[in-house]
Structures are given as C-alpha cells and as structure tokens.
Amino acid sequence: MSQEKTGHHEEGIEVPYDQIPPDTLQRMIQEFVTRDGADWGDVGCTLEDKVEQVLQQLRNRKVKVVFDLTSQTANLVVCR
C-alpha cells in the first residue's frame, strides 16, 4: 500500500531484509500481500507467487523493510 493512499509516512529505520530470520520475513511478506486493499493485477497469482514477487523486489531494492518507530511495527515500503 502506498504512502499516498494511507496518508501515513513511515518514520523509522530501514532493516536489511537479509538480516531478518527467513521464517519471519516469509510471514511478514505473506501478511503484506494478503492485506485488505492489496492490488494484485494478476488475480490468478498464488500466495507463493506473490511472496516470490515481493522477495524479488526486495533483492532488486524496489521495496525495503522499515521499522516504524511511531507504531513499533515493521512494514514493506516502496523505494523512491
């Protein structure tokens, strides 16, 4: 979900995705791709496909993990 749609700006620190335990990262990405309002153009994508797409975006630095100091939560955000 983009910051423009929510009106919320992440105030926090970037966490290198490769320093997050793999099972935790997997659950984080699964939660992200199954959120209400998540827009996946290809309706036929499986959960595994969506998770792999996000992992690829993390590897390509198109998305990053940010720990929001205000809400004390981690989130995936689009890199600018």
N, C-alpha and C. Protein backbone atom coordinates (compact mmCIF):
# COMPACT_ATOMS: atom_id res chain seq x y z
N MET A 1 0.85 -1.16 0.00
CA MET A 1 0.00 0.00 0.00
C MET A 1 0.90 1.23 0.00
N SER A 2 0.60 2.17 -0.82
CA SER A 2 1.47 3.34 -0.93
C SER A 2 1.19 4.33 0.18
N GLN A 3 2.19 5.15 0.45
CA GLN A 3 2.04 6.16 1.48
C GLN A 3 1.00 7.18 1.07
N GLU A 4 0.85 7.45 -0.24
CA GLU A 4 -0.11 8.42 -0.71
C GLU A 4 -1.54 7.98 -0.38
N LYS A 5 -1.83 6.69 -0.51
CA LYS A 5 -3.18 6.20 -0.25
C LYS A 5 -3.53 6.24 1.23
N THR A 6 -2.54 6.01 2.09
CA THR A 6 -2.83 5.94 3.51
C THR A 6 -2.66 7.28 4.22
N GLY A 7 -1.89 8.18 3.61
CA GLY A 7 -1.61 9.45 4.26
C GLY A 7 -0.61 9.28 5.39
N HIS A 8 -0.04 8.10 5.51
CA HIS A 8 0.91 7.81 6.60
C HIS A 8 2.32 7.75 6.02
N HIS A 9 3.22 8.42 6.67
CA HIS A 9 4.62 8.39 6.25
C HIS A 9 5.40 7.59 7.28
N GLU A 10 6.13 6.60 6.82
CA GLU A 10 6.93 5.77 7.73
C GLU A 10 8.06 6.60 8.31
N GLU A 11 8.10 6.70 9.63
CA GLU A 11 9.20 7.37 10.33
C GLU A 11 9.96 6.30 11.07
N GLY A 12 11.05 5.87 10.49
CA GLY A 12 11.75 4.81 11.16
C GLY A 12 13.07 4.50 10.50
N ILE A 13 13.50 3.28 10.72
CA ILE A 13 14.80 2.87 10.22
C ILE A 13 14.65 1.69 9.27
N GLU A 14 15.48 1.69 8.25
CA GLU A 14 15.47 0.58 7.31
C GLU A 14 16.15 -0.62 7.95
N VAL A 15 15.56 -1.78 7.76
CA VAL A 15 16.11 -3.03 8.26
C VAL A 15 16.49 -3.88 7.05
N PRO A 16 17.77 -4.22 6.90
CA PRO A 16 18.16 -5.06 5.76
C PRO A 16 17.39 -6.39 5.80
N TYR A 17 16.68 -6.68 4.71
CA TYR A 17 15.83 -7.88 4.69
C TYR A 17 16.62 -9.16 4.93
N ASP A 18 17.90 -9.16 4.51
CA ASP A 18 18.70 -10.37 4.67
C ASP A 18 19.18 -10.59 6.11
N GLN A 19 18.87 -9.63 6.99
CA GLN A 19 19.19 -9.81 8.41
C GLN A 19 17.97 -10.22 9.22
N ILE A 20 16.83 -10.39 8.54
CA ILE A 20 15.60 -10.84 9.19
C ILE A 20 15.55 -12.36 9.04
N PRO A 21 15.27 -13.10 10.12
CA PRO A 21 15.17 -14.56 10.00
C PRO A 21 14.20 -14.94 8.87
N PRO A 22 14.58 -15.90 8.03
CA PRO A 22 13.77 -16.25 6.85
C PRO A 22 12.30 -16.54 7.16
N ASP A 23 12.01 -17.25 8.25
CA ASP A 23 10.61 -17.55 8.57
C ASP A 23 9.85 -16.29 8.95
N THR A 24 10.50 -15.36 9.63
CA THR A 24 9.87 -14.09 10.00
C THR A 24 9.61 -13.26 8.75
N LEU A 25 10.59 -13.19 7.86
CA LEU A 25 10.43 -12.45 6.62
C LEU A 25 9.29 -13.04 5.79
N GLN A 26 9.22 -14.36 5.71
CA GLN A 26 8.16 -15.04 4.97
C GLN A 26 6.79 -14.64 5.50
N ARG A 27 6.62 -14.67 6.83
CA ARG A 27 5.33 -14.31 7.43
C ARG A 27 5.02 -12.83 7.20
N MET A 28 6.04 -11.99 7.27
CA MET A 28 5.87 -10.56 7.03
C MET A 28 5.35 -10.30 5.61
N ILE A 29 5.97 -10.96 4.65
CA ILE A 29 5.58 -10.78 3.26
C ILE A 29 4.18 -11.35 3.03
N GLN A 30 3.87 -12.51 3.61
CA GLN A 30 2.54 -13.09 3.47
C GLN A 30 1.47 -12.14 4.01
N GLU A 31 1.76 -11.54 5.16
CA GLU A 31 0.80 -10.58 5.73
C GLU A 31 0.64 -9.39 4.80
N PHE A 32 1.73 -8.92 4.24
CA PHE A 32 1.71 -7.76 3.34
C PHE A 32 0.86 -8.04 2.09
N VAL A 33 1.06 -9.19 1.47
CA VAL A 33 0.36 -9.47 0.21
C VAL A 33 -1.09 -9.86 0.40
N THR A 34 -1.50 -10.18 1.64
CA THR A 34 -2.89 -10.56 1.88
C THR A 34 -3.70 -9.45 2.56
N ARG A 35 -3.13 -8.29 2.73
CA ARG A 35 -3.84 -7.17 3.35
C ARG A 35 -5.05 -6.75 2.52
N ASP A 36 -6.06 -6.25 3.21
CA ASP A 36 -7.20 -5.65 2.51
C ASP A 36 -6.69 -4.48 1.69
N GLY A 37 -7.16 -4.39 0.47
CA GLY A 37 -6.76 -3.29 -0.40
C GLY A 37 -5.52 -3.57 -1.21
N ALA A 38 -4.86 -4.72 -0.99
CA ALA A 38 -3.69 -5.05 -1.79
C ALA A 38 -4.16 -5.28 -3.23
N ASP A 39 -3.50 -4.63 -4.18
CA ASP A 39 -3.91 -4.72 -5.57
C ASP A 39 -2.92 -5.57 -6.34
N TRP A 40 -3.34 -6.78 -6.70
CA TRP A 40 -2.52 -7.68 -7.49
C TRP A 40 -3.21 -7.84 -8.83
N GLY A 41 -2.62 -7.26 -9.86
CA GLY A 41 -3.20 -7.27 -11.19
C GLY A 41 -3.55 -8.65 -11.69
N ASP A 42 -2.68 -9.63 -11.43
CA ASP A 42 -2.91 -10.99 -11.90
C ASP A 42 -3.65 -11.76 -10.81
N VAL A 43 -4.97 -11.85 -10.96
CA VAL A 43 -5.81 -12.49 -9.96
C VAL A 43 -5.44 -13.95 -9.77
N GLY A 44 -4.88 -14.58 -10.80
CA GLY A 44 -4.52 -15.99 -10.74
C GLY A 44 -3.26 -16.28 -9.95
N CYS A 45 -2.58 -15.27 -9.44
CA CYS A 45 -1.34 -15.48 -8.68
C CYS A 45 -1.63 -16.23 -7.39
N THR A 46 -0.79 -17.21 -7.09
CA THR A 46 -0.90 -17.90 -5.80
C THR A 46 -0.20 -17.07 -4.74
N LEU A 47 -0.44 -17.41 -3.49
CA LEU A 47 0.24 -16.73 -2.39
C LEU A 47 1.75 -16.85 -2.56
N GLU A 48 2.20 -18.04 -2.94
CA GLU A 48 3.64 -18.27 -3.14
C GLU A 48 4.20 -17.37 -4.24
N ASP A 49 3.41 -17.21 -5.34
CA ASP A 49 3.84 -16.32 -6.44
C ASP A 49 4.00 -14.88 -5.94
N LYS A 50 3.02 -14.43 -5.17
CA LYS A 50 3.05 -13.06 -4.65
C LYS A 50 4.24 -12.86 -3.72
N VAL A 51 4.49 -13.84 -2.83
CA VAL A 51 5.63 -13.76 -1.91
C VAL A 51 6.93 -13.69 -2.70
N GLU A 52 7.05 -14.52 -3.73
CA GLU A 52 8.26 -14.53 -4.55
C GLU A 52 8.45 -13.19 -5.27
N GLN A 53 7.35 -12.60 -5.73
CA GLN A 53 7.43 -11.29 -6.39
C GLN A 53 7.99 -10.24 -5.42
N VAL A 54 7.50 -10.24 -4.19
CA VAL A 54 7.97 -9.27 -3.19
C VAL A 54 9.43 -9.54 -2.84
N LEU A 55 9.80 -10.82 -2.68
CA LEU A 55 11.20 -11.15 -2.41
C LEU A 55 12.11 -10.62 -3.52
N GLN A 56 11.67 -10.77 -4.76
CA GLN A 56 12.45 -10.27 -5.90
C GLN A 56 12.56 -8.75 -5.83
N GLN A 57 11.49 -8.09 -5.44
CA GLN A 57 11.52 -6.62 -5.31
C GLN A 57 12.47 -6.20 -4.19
N LEU A 58 12.53 -6.98 -3.12
CA LEU A 58 13.49 -6.69 -2.04
C LEU A 58 14.91 -6.85 -2.56
N ARG A 59 15.16 -7.94 -3.28
CA ARG A 59 16.50 -8.18 -3.83
C ARG A 59 16.92 -7.09 -4.81
N ASN A 60 15.95 -6.57 -5.58
CA ASN A 60 16.23 -5.53 -6.57
C ASN A 60 16.16 -4.12 -5.99
N ARG A 61 15.97 -4.03 -4.68
CA ARG A 61 15.89 -2.75 -3.97
C ARG A 61 14.77 -1.85 -4.47
N LYS A 62 13.67 -2.46 -4.88
CA LYS A 62 12.48 -1.70 -5.26
C LYS A 62 11.56 -1.53 -4.06
N VAL A 63 11.73 -2.41 -3.08
CA VAL A 63 10.96 -2.40 -1.84
C VAL A 63 11.96 -2.56 -0.71
N LYS A 64 11.65 -1.98 0.45
CA LYS A 64 12.52 -2.15 1.61
C LYS A 64 11.68 -2.39 2.86
N VAL A 65 12.32 -2.95 3.88
CA VAL A 65 11.67 -3.17 5.17
C VAL A 65 12.03 -1.98 6.06
N VAL A 66 11.01 -1.37 6.65
CA VAL A 66 11.21 -0.23 7.53
C VAL A 66 10.54 -0.54 8.86
N PHE A 67 11.28 -0.32 9.96
CA PHE A 67 10.69 -0.43 11.29
C PHE A 67 10.22 0.96 11.67
N ASP A 68 8.90 1.11 11.82
CA ASP A 68 8.29 2.39 12.14
C ASP A 68 8.40 2.64 13.65
N LEU A 69 9.15 3.67 14.01
CA LEU A 69 9.38 3.97 15.42
C LEU A 69 8.12 4.46 16.12
N THR A 70 7.20 5.06 15.37
CA THR A 70 5.97 5.58 15.97
C THR A 70 5.02 4.45 16.35
N SER A 71 4.77 3.54 15.39
CA SER A 71 3.81 2.46 15.64
C SER A 71 4.46 1.20 16.19
N GLN A 72 5.82 1.17 16.20
CA GLN A 72 6.56 -0.01 16.66
C GLN A 72 6.23 -1.24 15.82
N THR A 73 6.08 -1.03 14.51
CA THR A 73 5.80 -2.13 13.59
C THR A 73 6.76 -2.08 12.41
N ALA A 74 6.95 -3.23 11.79
CA ALA A 74 7.75 -3.31 10.57
C ALA A 74 6.79 -3.33 9.39
N ASN A 75 7.22 -2.71 8.29
CA ASN A 75 6.39 -2.65 7.10
C ASN A 75 7.27 -2.70 5.87
N LEU A 76 6.68 -3.10 4.76
CA LEU A 76 7.34 -3.06 3.47
C LEU A 76 6.92 -1.78 2.76
N VAL A 77 7.88 -1.01 2.29
CA VAL A 77 7.57 0.23 1.61
C VAL A 77 8.32 0.30 0.29
N VAL A 78 7.74 1.00 -0.67
CA VAL A 78 8.34 1.18 -1.98
C VAL A 78 9.51 2.15 -1.87
N CYS A 79 10.63 1.79 -2.47
CA CYS A 79 11.79 2.69 -2.50
C CYS A 79 11.54 3.79 -3.51
N ARG A 80 12.04 4.96 -3.22
CA ARG A 80 11.89 6.08 -4.14
C ARG A 80 13.16 6.33 -4.87
